Amino acid sequence: EAIDAIKSEADSMKELVEQLLFLARGDNDSMHIEMESFDLTE
């Protein structure tokens, strides 16, 4: 559980850094949204 949580948070930090780089570049066409199905309750 701890390993999965740490991996998940590391992925979140990676996505945040990518968003910051996107804002720094100011390139609207480079924004990519991953649409997937998940349970909002979980």
PDB file of all heavy atoms in Angstrom:
ATOM      1  N   GLU A   1       0.832  -1.207   0.000  1.00  0.00           N
ATOM      2  CA  GLU A   1       0.000   0.000   0.000  1.00  0.00           C
ATOM      3  C   GLU A   1       0.867   1.257   0.000  1.00  0.00           C
ATOM      4  O   GLU A   1       0.593   2.214  -0.735  1.00  0.00           O
ATOM      5  CB  GLU A   1      -0.903  -0.012   1.235  1.00  0.00           C
ATOM      6  CG  GLU A   1      -1.791   1.228   1.335  1.00  0.00           C
ATOM      7  CD  GLU A   1      -2.611   1.242   2.616  1.00  0.00           C
ATOM      8  OE1 GLU A   1      -2.521   0.271   3.396  1.00  0.00           O
ATOM      9  OE2 GLU A   1      -3.333   2.240   2.831  1.00  0.00           O
ATOM     10  N   ALA A   2       1.911   1.253   0.818  1.00  0.00           N
ATOM     11  CA  ALA A   2       2.789   2.417   0.884  1.00  0.00           C
ATOM     12  C   ALA A   2       3.534   2.625  -0.429  1.00  0.00           C
ATOM     13  O   ALA A   2       3.684   3.754  -0.908  1.00  0.00           O
ATOM     14  CB  ALA A   2       3.779   2.258   2.044  1.00  0.00           C
ATOM     15  N   ILE A   3       4.000   1.532  -1.022  1.00  0.00           N
ATOM     16  CA  ILE A   3       4.725   1.638  -2.295  1.00  0.00           C
ATOM     17  C   ILE A   3       3.808   2.181  -3.386  1.00  0.00           C
ATOM     18  O   ILE A   3       4.203   3.062  -4.167  1.00  0.00           O
ATOM     19  CB  ILE A   3       5.299   0.260  -2.693  1.00  0.00           C
ATOM     20  CG1 ILE A   3       6.412  -0.150  -1.722  1.00  0.00           C
ATOM     21  CG2 ILE A   3       5.836   0.300  -4.115  1.00  0.00           C
ATOM     22  CD1 ILE A   3       6.947  -1.547  -1.955  1.00  0.00           C
ATOM     23  N   ASP A   4       2.561   1.665  -3.440  1.00  0.00           N
ATOM     24  CA  ASP A   4       1.616   2.150  -4.452  1.00  0.00           C
ATOM     25  C   ASP A   4       1.303   3.635  -4.251  1.00  0.00           C
ATOM     26  O   ASP A   4       1.203   4.401  -5.220  1.00  0.00           O
ATOM     27  CB  ASP A   4       0.329   1.323  -4.398  1.00  0.00           C
ATOM     28  CG  ASP A   4       0.562  -0.123  -4.837  1.00  0.00           C
ATOM     29  OD1 ASP A   4       1.582  -0.370  -5.506  1.00  0.00           O
ATOM     30  OD2 ASP A   4      -0.263  -0.986  -4.498  1.00  0.00           O
ATOM     31  N   ALA A   5       1.130   4.031  -2.980  1.00  0.00           N
ATOM     32  CA  ALA A   5       0.816   5.431  -2.690  1.00  0.00           C
ATOM     33  C   ALA A   5       1.979   6.346  -3.061  1.00  0.00           C
ATOM     34  O   ALA A   5       1.774   7.424  -3.639  1.00  0.00           O
ATOM     35  CB  ALA A   5       0.466   5.593  -1.210  1.00  0.00           C
ATOM     36  N   ILE A   6       3.190   5.911  -2.731  1.00  0.00           N
ATOM     37  CA  ILE A   6       4.367   6.721  -3.070  1.00  0.00           C
ATOM     38  C   ILE A   6       4.502   6.851  -4.580  1.00  0.00           C
ATOM     39  O   ILE A   6       4.798   7.928  -5.113  1.00  0.00           O
ATOM     40  CB  ILE A   6       5.634   6.112  -2.447  1.00  0.00           C
ATOM     41  CG1 ILE A   6       5.584   6.261  -0.922  1.00  0.00           C
ATOM     42  CG2 ILE A   6       6.893   6.763  -3.010  1.00  0.00           C
ATOM     43  CD1 ILE A   6       6.718   5.569  -0.208  1.00  0.00           C
ATOM     44  N   LYS A   7       4.279   5.747  -5.293  1.00  0.00           N
ATOM     45  CA  LYS A   7       4.354   5.800  -6.754  1.00  0.00           C
ATOM     46  C   LYS A   7       3.283   6.734  -7.323  1.00  0.00           C
ATOM     47  O   LYS A   7       3.541   7.516  -8.248  1.00  0.00           O
ATOM     48  CB  LYS A   7       4.183   4.395  -7.326  1.00  0.00           C
ATOM     49  CG  LYS A   7       4.297   4.329  -8.852  1.00  0.00           C
ATOM     50  CD  LYS A   7       4.163   2.899  -9.339  1.00  0.00           C
ATOM     51  CE  LYS A   7       4.284   2.846 -10.867  1.00  0.00           C
ATOM     52  NZ  LYS A   7       3.232   3.633 -11.535  1.00  0.00           N
ATOM     53  N   SER A   8       2.076   6.667  -6.763  1.00  0.00           N
ATOM     54  CA  SER A   8       0.991   7.512  -7.246  1.00  0.00           C
ATOM     55  C   SER A   8       1.300   8.991  -7.021  1.00  0.00           C
ATOM     56  O   SER A   8       1.082   9.831  -7.901  1.00  0.00           O
ATOM     57  CB  SER A   8      -0.313   7.141  -6.538  1.00  0.00           C
ATOM     58  OG  SER A   8      -1.368   8.012  -6.905  1.00  0.00           O
ATOM     59  N   GLU A   9       1.844   9.320  -5.843  1.00  0.00           N
ATOM     60  CA  GLU A   9       2.178  10.712  -5.560  1.00  0.00           C
ATOM     61  C   GLU A   9       3.337  11.189  -6.419  1.00  0.00           C
ATOM     62  O   GLU A   9       3.386  12.360  -6.828  1.00  0.00           O
ATOM     63  CB  GLU A   9       2.506  10.882  -4.072  1.00  0.00           C
ATOM     64  CG  GLU A   9       1.332  10.630  -3.150  1.00  0.00           C
ATOM     65  CD  GLU A   9       0.116  11.463  -3.505  1.00  0.00           C
ATOM     66  OE1 GLU A   9       0.297  12.651  -3.837  1.00  0.00           O
ATOM     67  OE2 GLU A   9      -1.003  10.932  -3.474  1.00  0.00           O
ATOM     68  N   ALA A  10       4.280  10.312  -6.702  1.00  0.00           N
ATOM     69  CA  ALA A  10       5.380  10.686  -7.598  1.00  0.00           C
ATOM     70  C   ALA A  10       4.849  10.989  -8.999  1.00  0.00           C
ATOM     71  O   ALA A  10       5.299  11.937  -9.652  1.00  0.00           O
ATOM     72  CB  ALA A  10       6.415   9.569  -7.643  1.00  0.00           C
ATOM     73  N   ASP A  11       3.877  10.191  -9.448  1.00  0.00           N
ATOM     74  CA  ASP A  11       3.257  10.471 -10.742  1.00  0.00           C
ATOM     75  C   ASP A  11       2.520  11.810 -10.724  1.00  0.00           C
ATOM     76  O   ASP A  11       2.544  12.565 -11.713  1.00  0.00           O
ATOM     77  CB  ASP A  11       2.290   9.342 -11.114  1.00  0.00           C
ATOM     78  CG  ASP A  11       3.012   8.030 -11.406  1.00  0.00           C
ATOM     79  OD1 ASP A  11       4.219   8.083 -11.723  1.00  0.00           O
ATOM     80  OD2 ASP A  11       2.374   6.961 -11.302  1.00  0.00           O
ATOM     81  N   SER A  12       1.863  12.115  -9.593  1.00  0.00           N
ATOM     82  CA  SER A  12       1.151  13.397  -9.481  1.00  0.00           C
ATOM     83  C   SER A  12       2.128  14.564  -9.541  1.00  0.00           C
ATOM     84  O   SER A  12       1.865  15.577 -10.200  1.00  0.00           O
ATOM     85  CB  SER A  12       0.363  13.451  -8.165  1.00  0.00           C
ATOM     86  OG  SER A  12      -0.622  12.434  -8.123  1.00  0.00           O
ATOM     87  N   MET A  13       3.261  14.415  -8.873  1.00  0.00           N
ATOM     88  CA  MET A  13       4.269  15.471  -8.914  1.00  0.00           C
ATOM     89  C   MET A  13       4.837  15.624 -10.320  1.00  0.00           C
ATOM     90  O   MET A  13       5.109  16.745 -10.776  1.00  0.00           O
ATOM     91  CB  MET A  13       5.389  15.165  -7.914  1.00  0.00           C
ATOM     92  CG  MET A  13       4.942  15.238  -6.466  1.00  0.00           C
ATOM     93  SD  MET A  13       6.280  14.829  -5.311  1.00  0.00           S
ATOM     94  CE  MET A  13       7.424  16.170  -5.649  1.00  0.00           C
ATOM     95  N   LYS A  14       5.004  14.521 -11.013  1.00  0.00           N
ATOM     96  CA  LYS A  14       5.488  14.581 -12.391  1.00  0.00           C
ATOM     97  C   LYS A  14       4.494  15.330 -13.279  1.00  0.00           C
ATOM     98  O   LYS A  14       4.888  16.178 -14.097  1.00  0.00           O
ATOM     99  CB  LYS A  14       5.714  13.171 -12.931  1.00  0.00           C
ATOM    100  CG  LYS A  14       6.191  13.132 -14.372  1.00  0.00           C
ATOM    101  CD  LYS A  14       6.340  11.707 -14.861  1.00  0.00           C
ATOM    102  CE  LYS A  14       6.744  11.684 -16.345  1.00  0.00           C
ATOM    103  NZ  LYS A  14       6.850  10.304 -16.852  1.00  0.00           N
ATOM    104  N   GLU A  15       3.202  15.030 -13.115  1.00  0.00           N
ATOM    105  CA  GLU A  15       2.182  15.722 -13.904  1.00  0.00           C
ATOM    106  C   GLU A  15       2.155  17.212 -13.585  1.00  0.00           C
ATOM    107  O   GLU A  15       1.987  18.057 -14.475  1.00  0.00           O
ATOM    108  CB  GLU A  15       0.809  15.106 -13.628  1.00  0.00           C
ATOM    109  CG  GLU A  15       0.668  13.670 -14.149  1.00  0.00           C
ATOM    110  CD  GLU A  15      -0.686  13.091 -13.810  1.00  0.00           C
ATOM    111  OE1 GLU A  15      -1.488  13.812 -13.176  1.00  0.00           O
ATOM    112  OE2 GLU A  15      -0.941  11.923 -14.161  1.00  0.00           O
ATOM    113  N   LEU A  16       2.344  17.544 -12.306  1.00  0.00           N
ATOM    114  CA  LEU A  16       2.363  18.948 -11.921  1.00  0.00           C
ATOM    115  C   LEU A  16       3.538  19.681 -12.559  1.00  0.00           C
ATOM    116  O   LEU A  16       3.393  20.801 -13.062  1.00  0.00           O
ATOM    117  CB  LEU A  16       2.432  19.071 -10.399  1.00  0.00           C
ATOM    118  CG  LEU A  16       2.500  20.498  -9.839  1.00  0.00           C
ATOM    119  CD1 LEU A  16       1.280  21.302 -10.260  1.00  0.00           C
ATOM    120  CD2 LEU A  16       2.617  20.465  -8.321  1.00  0.00           C
ATOM    121  N   VAL A  17       4.699  19.044 -12.563  1.00  0.00           N
ATOM    122  CA  VAL A  17       5.878  19.649 -13.198  1.00  0.00           C
ATOM    123  C   VAL A  17       5.640  19.833 -14.694  1.00  0.00           C
ATOM    124  O   VAL A  17       6.013  20.863 -15.278  1.00  0.00           O
ATOM    125  CB  VAL A  17       7.130  18.794 -12.936  1.00  0.00           C
ATOM    126  CG1 VAL A  17       8.303  19.291 -13.760  1.00  0.00           C
ATOM    127  CG2 VAL A  17       7.485  18.817 -11.453  1.00  0.00           C
ATOM    128  N   GLU A  18       4.999  18.859 -15.318  1.00  0.00           N
ATOM    129  CA  GLU A  18       4.703  18.986 -16.746  1.00  0.00           C
ATOM    130  C   GLU A  18       3.731  20.137 -17.005  1.00  0.00           C
ATOM    131  O   GLU A  18       3.858  20.865 -18.001  1.00  0.00           O
ATOM    132  CB  GLU A  18       4.117  17.670 -17.269  1.00  0.00           C
ATOM    133  CG  GLU A  18       5.147  16.529 -17.326  1.00  0.00           C
ATOM    134  CD  GLU A  18       4.523  15.239 -17.797  1.00  0.00           C
ATOM    135  OE1 GLU A  18       3.283  15.196 -17.893  1.00  0.00           O
ATOM    136  OE2 GLU A  18       5.276  14.274 -18.037  1.00  0.00           O
ATOM    137  N   GLN A  19       2.771  20.332 -16.118  1.00  0.00           N
ATOM    138  CA  GLN A  19       1.851  21.451 -16.258  1.00  0.00           C
ATOM    139  C   GLN A  19       2.581  22.788 -16.107  1.00  0.00           C
ATOM    140  O   GLN A  19       2.292  23.752 -16.817  1.00  0.00           O
ATOM    141  CB  GLN A  19       0.733  21.349 -15.228  1.00  0.00           C
ATOM    142  CG  GLN A  19      -0.213  20.176 -15.464  1.00  0.00           C
ATOM    143  CD  GLN A  19      -1.258  20.059 -14.379  1.00  0.00           C
ATOM    144  OE1 GLN A  19      -1.421  20.951 -13.557  1.00  0.00           O
ATOM    145  NE2 GLN A  19      -1.966  18.946 -14.354  1.00  0.00           N
ATOM    146  N   LEU A  20       3.542  22.831 -15.174  1.00  0.00           N
ATOM    147  CA  LEU A  20       4.322  24.051 -14.993  1.00  0.00           C
ATOM    148  C   LEU A  20       5.157  24.346 -16.236  1.00  0.00           C
ATOM    149  O   LEU A  20       5.283  25.503 -16.654  1.00  0.00           O
ATOM    150  CB  LEU A  20       5.228  23.921 -13.764  1.00  0.00           C
ATOM    151  CG  LEU A  20       4.522  23.827 -12.409  1.00  0.00           C
ATOM    152  CD1 LEU A  20       5.541  23.650 -11.300  1.00  0.00           C
ATOM    153  CD2 LEU A  20       3.684  25.069 -12.157  1.00  0.00           C
ATOM    154  N   LEU A  21       5.729  23.321 -16.809  1.00  0.00           N
ATOM    155  CA  LEU A  21       6.489  23.514 -18.041  1.00  0.00           C
ATOM    156  C   LEU A  21       5.577  23.987 -19.171  1.00  0.00           C
ATOM    157  O   LEU A  21       5.969  24.810 -20.001  1.00  0.00           O
ATOM    158  CB  LEU A  21       7.187  22.209 -18.440  1.00  0.00           C
ATOM    159  CG  LEU A  21       8.310  21.746 -17.509  1.00  0.00           C
ATOM    160  CD1 LEU A  21       8.841  20.386 -17.955  1.00  0.00           C
ATOM    161  CD2 LEU A  21       9.439  22.769 -17.479  1.00  0.00           C
ATOM    162  N   PHE A  22       4.356  23.454 -19.197  1.00  0.00           N
ATOM    163  CA  PHE A  22       3.392  23.892 -20.204  1.00  0.00           C
ATOM    164  C   PHE A  22       3.071  25.376 -20.043  1.00  0.00           C
ATOM    165  O   PHE A  22       3.034  26.137 -21.010  1.00  0.00           O
ATOM    166  CB  PHE A  22       2.122  23.049 -20.085  1.00  0.00           C
ATOM    167  CG  PHE A  22       0.904  23.702 -20.662  1.00  0.00           C
ATOM    168  CD1 PHE A  22       0.750  23.794 -22.028  1.00  0.00           C
ATOM    169  CD2 PHE A  22      -0.080  24.222 -19.832  1.00  0.00           C
ATOM    170  CE1 PHE A  22      -0.378  24.406 -22.562  1.00  0.00           C
ATOM    171  CE2 PHE A  22      -1.195  24.828 -20.362  1.00  0.00           C
ATOM    172  CZ  PHE A  22      -1.349  24.917 -21.732  1.00  0.00           C
ATOM    173  N   LEU A  23       2.876  25.816 -18.788  1.00  0.00           N
ATOM    174  CA  LEU A  23       2.595  27.226 -18.550  1.00  0.00           C
ATOM    175  C   LEU A  23       3.801  28.093 -18.899  1.00  0.00           C
ATOM    176  O   LEU A  23       3.648  29.210 -19.392  1.00  0.00           O
ATOM    177  CB  LEU A  23       2.210  27.428 -17.076  1.00  0.00           C
ATOM    178  CG  LEU A  23       0.877  26.815 -16.633  1.00  0.00           C
ATOM    179  CD1 LEU A  23       0.680  27.003 -15.149  1.00  0.00           C
ATOM    180  CD2 LEU A  23      -0.278  27.440 -17.399  1.00  0.00           C
ATOM    181  N   ALA A  24       5.003  27.578 -18.630  1.00  0.00           N
ATOM    182  CA  ALA A  24       6.211  28.349 -18.937  1.00  0.00           C
ATOM    183  C   ALA A  24       6.387  28.521 -20.444  1.00  0.00           C
ATOM    184  O   ALA A  24       6.807  29.580 -20.918  1.00  0.00           O
ATOM    185  CB  ALA A  24       7.438  27.666 -18.334  1.00  0.00           C
ATOM    186  N   ARG A  25       6.057  27.473 -21.204  1.00  0.00           N
ATOM    187  CA  ARG A  25       6.186  27.576 -22.656  1.00  0.00           C
ATOM    188  C   ARG A  25       5.082  28.413 -23.266  1.00  0.00           C
ATOM    189  O   ARG A  25       5.267  29.079 -24.280  1.00  0.00           O
ATOM    190  CB  ARG A  25       6.159  26.171 -23.283  1.00  0.00           C
ATOM    191  CG  ARG A  25       7.397  25.344 -23.002  1.00  0.00           C
ATOM    192  CD  ARG A  25       7.422  24.128 -23.902  1.00  0.00           C
ATOM    193  NE  ARG A  25       6.245  23.306 -23.712  1.00  0.00           N
ATOM    194  CZ  ARG A  25       6.193  22.253 -22.903  1.00  0.00           C
ATOM    195  NH1 ARG A  25       7.259  21.905 -22.201  1.00  0.00           N
ATOM    196  NH2 ARG A  25       5.087  21.549 -22.787  1.00  0.00           N
ATOM    197  N   GLY A  26       3.913  28.414 -22.631  1.00  0.00           N
ATOM    198  CA  GLY A  26       2.788  29.164 -23.180  1.00  0.00           C
ATOM    199  C   GLY A  26       2.259  28.566 -24.468  1.00  0.00           C
ATOM    200  O   GLY A  26       1.672  29.257 -25.288  1.00  0.00           O
ATOM    201  N   ASP A  27       2.468  27.276 -24.662  1.00  0.00           N
ATOM    202  CA  ASP A  27       2.045  26.609 -25.891  1.00  0.00           C
ATOM    203  C   ASP A  27       0.748  25.878 -25.611  1.00  0.00           C
ATOM    204  O   ASP A  27       0.736  24.811 -25.008  1.00  0.00           O
ATOM    205  CB  ASP A  27       3.132  25.641 -26.353  1.00  0.00           C
ATOM    206  CG  ASP A  27       2.790  25.018 -27.703  1.00  0.00           C
ATOM    207  OD1 ASP A  27       1.790  25.435 -28.298  1.00  0.00           O
ATOM    208  OD2 ASP A  27       3.530  24.121 -28.146  1.00  0.00           O
ATOM    209  N   ASN A  28      -0.365  26.465 -26.037  1.00  0.00           N
ATOM    210  CA  ASN A  28      -1.670  25.860 -25.753  1.00  0.00           C
ATOM    211  C   ASN A  28      -1.868  24.542 -26.482  1.00  0.00           C
ATOM    212  O   ASN A  28      -2.616  23.674 -26.038  1.00  0.00           O
ATOM    213  CB  ASN A  28      -2.785  26.831 -26.144  1.00  0.00           C
ATOM    214  CG  ASN A  28      -2.763  28.082 -25.286  1.00  0.00           C
ATOM    215  OD1 ASN A  28      -2.346  28.026 -24.139  1.00  0.00           O
ATOM    216  ND2 ASN A  28      -3.193  29.191 -25.851  1.00  0.00           N
ATOM    217  N   ASP A  29      -1.187  24.383 -27.621  1.00  0.00           N
ATOM    218  CA  ASP A  29      -1.383  23.167 -28.396  1.00  0.00           C
ATOM    219  C   ASP A  29      -0.687  21.961 -27.770  1.00  0.00           C
ATOM    220  O   ASP A  29      -0.958  20.831 -28.148  1.00  0.00           O
ATOM    221  CB  ASP A  29      -0.844  23.372 -29.823  1.00  0.00           C
ATOM    222  CG  ASP A  29      -1.661  24.418 -30.571  1.00  0.00           C
ATOM    223  OD1 ASP A  29      -2.842  24.580 -30.217  1.00  0.00           O
ATOM    224  OD2 ASP A  29      -1.107  25.060 -31.488  1.00  0.00           O
ATOM    225  N   SER A  30       0.240  22.213 -26.816  1.00  0.00           N
ATOM    226  CA  SER A  30       0.973  21.106 -26.225  1.00  0.00           C
ATOM    227  C   SER A  30       0.251  20.498 -25.024  1.00  0.00           C
ATOM    228  O   SER A  30       0.708  19.524 -24.449  1.00  0.00           O
ATOM    229  CB  SER A  30       2.367  21.575 -25.780  1.00  0.00           C
ATOM    230  OG  SER A  30       2.252  22.546 -24.747  1.00  0.00           O
ATOM    231  N   MET A  31      -0.871  21.092 -24.600  1.00  0.00           N
ATOM    232  CA  MET A  31      -1.620  20.567 -23.472  1.00  0.00           C
ATOM    233  C   MET A  31      -2.351  19.299 -23.892  1.00  0.00           C
ATOM    234  O   MET A  31      -3.109  19.299 -24.851  1.00  0.00           O
ATOM    235  CB  MET A  31      -2.623  21.613 -22.970  1.00  0.00           C
ATOM    236  CG  MET A  31      -3.353  21.189 -21.718  1.00  0.00           C
ATOM    237  SD  MET A  31      -2.250  21.032 -20.315  1.00  0.00           S
ATOM    238  CE  MET A  31      -3.421  20.671 -19.013  1.00  0.00           C
ATOM    239  N   HIS A  32      -2.105  18.233 -23.139  1.00  0.00           N
ATOM    240  CA  HIS A  32      -2.719  16.949 -23.464  1.00  0.00           C
ATOM    241  C   HIS A  32      -3.497  16.458 -22.247  1.00  0.00           C
ATOM    242  O   HIS A  32      -2.952  16.365 -21.150  1.00  0.00           O
ATOM    243  CB  HIS A  32      -1.643  15.930 -23.844  1.00  0.00           C
ATOM    244  CG  HIS A  32      -2.214  14.603 -24.236  1.00  0.00           C
ATOM    245  ND1 HIS A  32      -3.025  14.426 -25.336  1.00  0.00           N
ATOM    246  CD2 HIS A  32      -2.089  13.380 -23.649  1.00  0.00           C
ATOM    247  CE1 HIS A  32      -3.385  13.149 -25.421  1.00  0.00           C
ATOM    248  NE2 HIS A  32      -2.833  12.508 -24.411  1.00  0.00           N
ATOM    249  N   ILE A  33      -4.759  16.181 -22.435  1.00  0.00           N
ATOM    250  CA  ILE A  33      -5.624  15.702 -21.358  1.00  0.00           C
ATOM    251  C   ILE A  33      -5.905  14.225 -21.575  1.00  0.00           C
ATOM    252  O   ILE A  33      -6.358  13.818 -22.649  1.00  0.00           O
ATOM    253  CB  ILE A  33      -6.937  16.497 -21.316  1.00  0.00           C
ATOM    254  CG1 ILE A  33      -6.635  17.983 -21.033  1.00  0.00           C
ATOM    255  CG2 ILE A  33      -7.871  15.944 -20.250  1.00  0.00           C
ATOM    256  CD1 ILE A  33      -7.862  18.856 -21.012  1.00  0.00           C
ATOM    257  N   GLU A  34      -5.616  13.437 -20.541  1.00  0.00           N
ATOM    258  CA  GLU A  34      -5.849  11.998 -20.591  1.00  0.00           C
ATOM    259  C   GLU A  34      -7.241  11.699 -20.039  1.00  0.00           C
ATOM    260  O   GLU A  34      -7.477  11.784 -18.834  1.00  0.00           O
ATOM    261  CB  GLU A  34      -4.779  11.255 -19.773  1.00  0.00           C
ATOM    262  CG  GLU A  34      -3.389  11.271 -20.382  1.00  0.00           C
ATOM    263  CD  GLU A  34      -3.283  10.334 -21.583  1.00  0.00           C
ATOM    264  OE1 GLU A  34      -4.212   9.509 -21.764  1.00  0.00           O
ATOM    265  OE2 GLU A  34      -2.310  10.430 -22.326  1.00  0.00           O
ATOM    266  N   MET A  35      -8.158  11.346 -20.900  1.00  0.00           N
ATOM    267  CA  MET A  35      -9.506  10.998 -20.486  1.00  0.00           C
ATOM    268  C   MET A  35      -9.571   9.505 -20.205  1.00  0.00           C
ATOM    269  O   MET A  35      -9.222   8.690 -21.057  1.00  0.00           O
ATOM    270  CB  MET A  35     -10.513  11.376 -21.567  1.00  0.00           C
ATOM    271  CG  MET A  35     -10.482  12.858 -21.936  1.00  0.00           C
ATOM    272  SD  MET A  35     -11.012  13.924 -20.579  1.00  0.00           S
ATOM    273  CE  MET A  35     -12.751  13.485 -20.493  1.00  0.00           C
ATOM    274  N   GLU A  36     -10.002   9.168 -18.985  1.00  0.00           N
ATOM    275  CA  GLU A  36     -10.142   7.761 -18.619  1.00  0.00           C
ATOM    276  C   GLU A  36     -11.262   7.616 -17.605  1.00  0.00           C
ATOM    277  O   GLU A  36     -11.673   8.580 -16.959  1.00  0.00           O
ATOM    278  CB  GLU A  36      -8.840   7.209 -18.058  1.00  0.00           C
ATOM    279  CG  GLU A  36      -8.273   7.980 -16.878  1.00  0.00           C
ATOM    280  CD  GLU A  36      -6.938   7.410 -16.444  1.00  0.00           C
ATOM    281  OE1 GLU A  36      -6.917   6.260 -15.981  1.00  0.00           O
ATOM    282  OE2 GLU A  36      -5.918   8.122 -16.575  1.00  0.00           O
ATOM    283  N   SER A  37     -11.738   6.406 -17.461  1.00  0.00           N
ATOM    284  CA  SER A  37     -12.845   6.130 -16.550  1.00  0.00           C
ATOM    285  C   SER A  37     -12.300   5.735 -15.177  1.00  0.00           C
ATOM    286  O   SER A  37     -11.361   4.941 -15.079  1.00  0.00           O
ATOM    287  CB  SER A  37     -13.714   5.002 -17.114  1.00  0.00           C
ATOM    288  OG  SER A  37     -14.757   4.685 -16.215  1.00  0.00           O
ATOM    289  N   PHE A  38     -12.890   6.294 -14.127  1.00  0.00           N
ATOM    290  CA  PHE A  38     -12.486   5.954 -12.763  1.00  0.00           C
ATOM    291  C   PHE A  38     -13.648   6.252 -11.830  1.00  0.00           C
ATOM    292  O   PHE A  38     -14.625   6.919 -12.202  1.00  0.00           O
ATOM    293  CB  PHE A  38     -11.232   6.724 -12.339  1.00  0.00           C
ATOM    294  CG  PHE A  38     -11.414   8.215 -12.316  1.00  0.00           C
ATOM    295  CD1 PHE A  38     -11.779   8.882 -11.158  1.00  0.00           C
ATOM    296  CD2 PHE A  38     -11.236   8.970 -13.472  1.00  0.00           C
ATOM    297  CE1 PHE A  38     -11.948  10.256 -11.134  1.00  0.00           C
ATOM    298  CE2 PHE A  38     -11.406  10.343 -13.472  1.00  0.00           C
ATOM    299  CZ  PHE A  38     -11.761  10.990 -12.301  1.00  0.00           C
ATOM    300  N   ASP A  39     -13.518   5.769 -10.605  1.00  0.00           N
ATOM    301  CA  ASP A  39     -14.558   5.957  -9.600  1.00  0.00           C
ATOM    302  C   ASP A  39     -14.209   7.182  -8.752  1.00  0.00           C
ATOM    303  O   ASP A  39     -13.188   7.214  -8.067  1.00  0.00           O
ATOM    304  CB  ASP A  39     -14.667   4.718  -8.705  1.00  0.00           C
ATOM    305  CG  ASP A  39     -15.875   4.785  -7.775  1.00  0.00           C
ATOM    306  OD1 ASP A  39     -16.544   5.833  -7.760  1.00  0.00           O
ATOM    307  OD2 ASP A  39     -16.123   3.807  -7.054  1.00  0.00           O
ATOM    308  N   LEU A  40     -15.044   8.199  -8.825  1.00  0.00           N
ATOM    309  CA  LEU A  40     -14.797   9.419  -8.066  1.00  0.00           C
ATOM    310  C   LEU A  40     -14.854   9.163  -6.567  1.00  0.00           C
ATOM    311  O   LEU A  40     -14.147   9.827  -5.796  1.00  0.00           O
ATOM    312  CB  LEU A  40     -15.823  10.486  -8.462  1.00  0.00           C
ATOM    313  CG  LEU A  40     -15.626  11.878  -7.860  1.00  0.00           C
ATOM    314  CD1 LEU A  40     -14.276  12.453  -8.257  1.00  0.00           C
ATOM    315  CD2 LEU A  40     -16.752  12.811  -8.300  1.00  0.00           C
ATOM    316  N   THR A  41     -15.656   8.202  -6.141  1.00  0.00           N
ATOM    317  CA  THR A  41     -15.735   7.888  -4.720  1.00  0.00           C
ATOM    318  C   THR A  41     -14.404   7.350  -4.208  1.00  0.00           C
ATOM    319  O   THR A  41     -13.934   7.733  -3.123  1.00  0.00           O
ATOM    320  CB  THR A  41     -16.855   6.862  -4.464  1.00  0.00           C
ATOM    321  OG1 THR A  41     -18.102   7.407  -4.912  1.00  0.00           O
ATOM    322  CG2 THR A  41     -16.956   6.527  -2.991  1.00  0.00           C
ATOM    323  N   GLU A  42     -13.782   6.454  -4.961  1.00  0.00           N
ATOM    324  CA  GLU A  42     -12.488   5.907  -4.546  1.00  0.00           C
ATOM    325  C   GLU A  42     -11.428   7.011  -4.491  1.00  0.00           C
ATOM    326  O   GLU A  42     -10.606   7.044  -3.569  1.00  0.00           O
ATOM    327  CB  GLU A  42     -12.058   4.803  -5.503  1.00  0.00           C
ATOM    328  CG  GLU A  42     -12.942   3.563  -5.458  1.00  0.00           C
ATOM    329  CD  GLU A  42     -12.450   2.486  -6.400  1.00  0.00           C
ATOM    330  OE1 GLU A  42     -11.422   2.727  -7.085  1.00  0.00           O
ATOM    331  OE2 GLU A  42     -13.071   1.411  -6.455  1.00  0.00           O
TER     332      GLU A  42
END
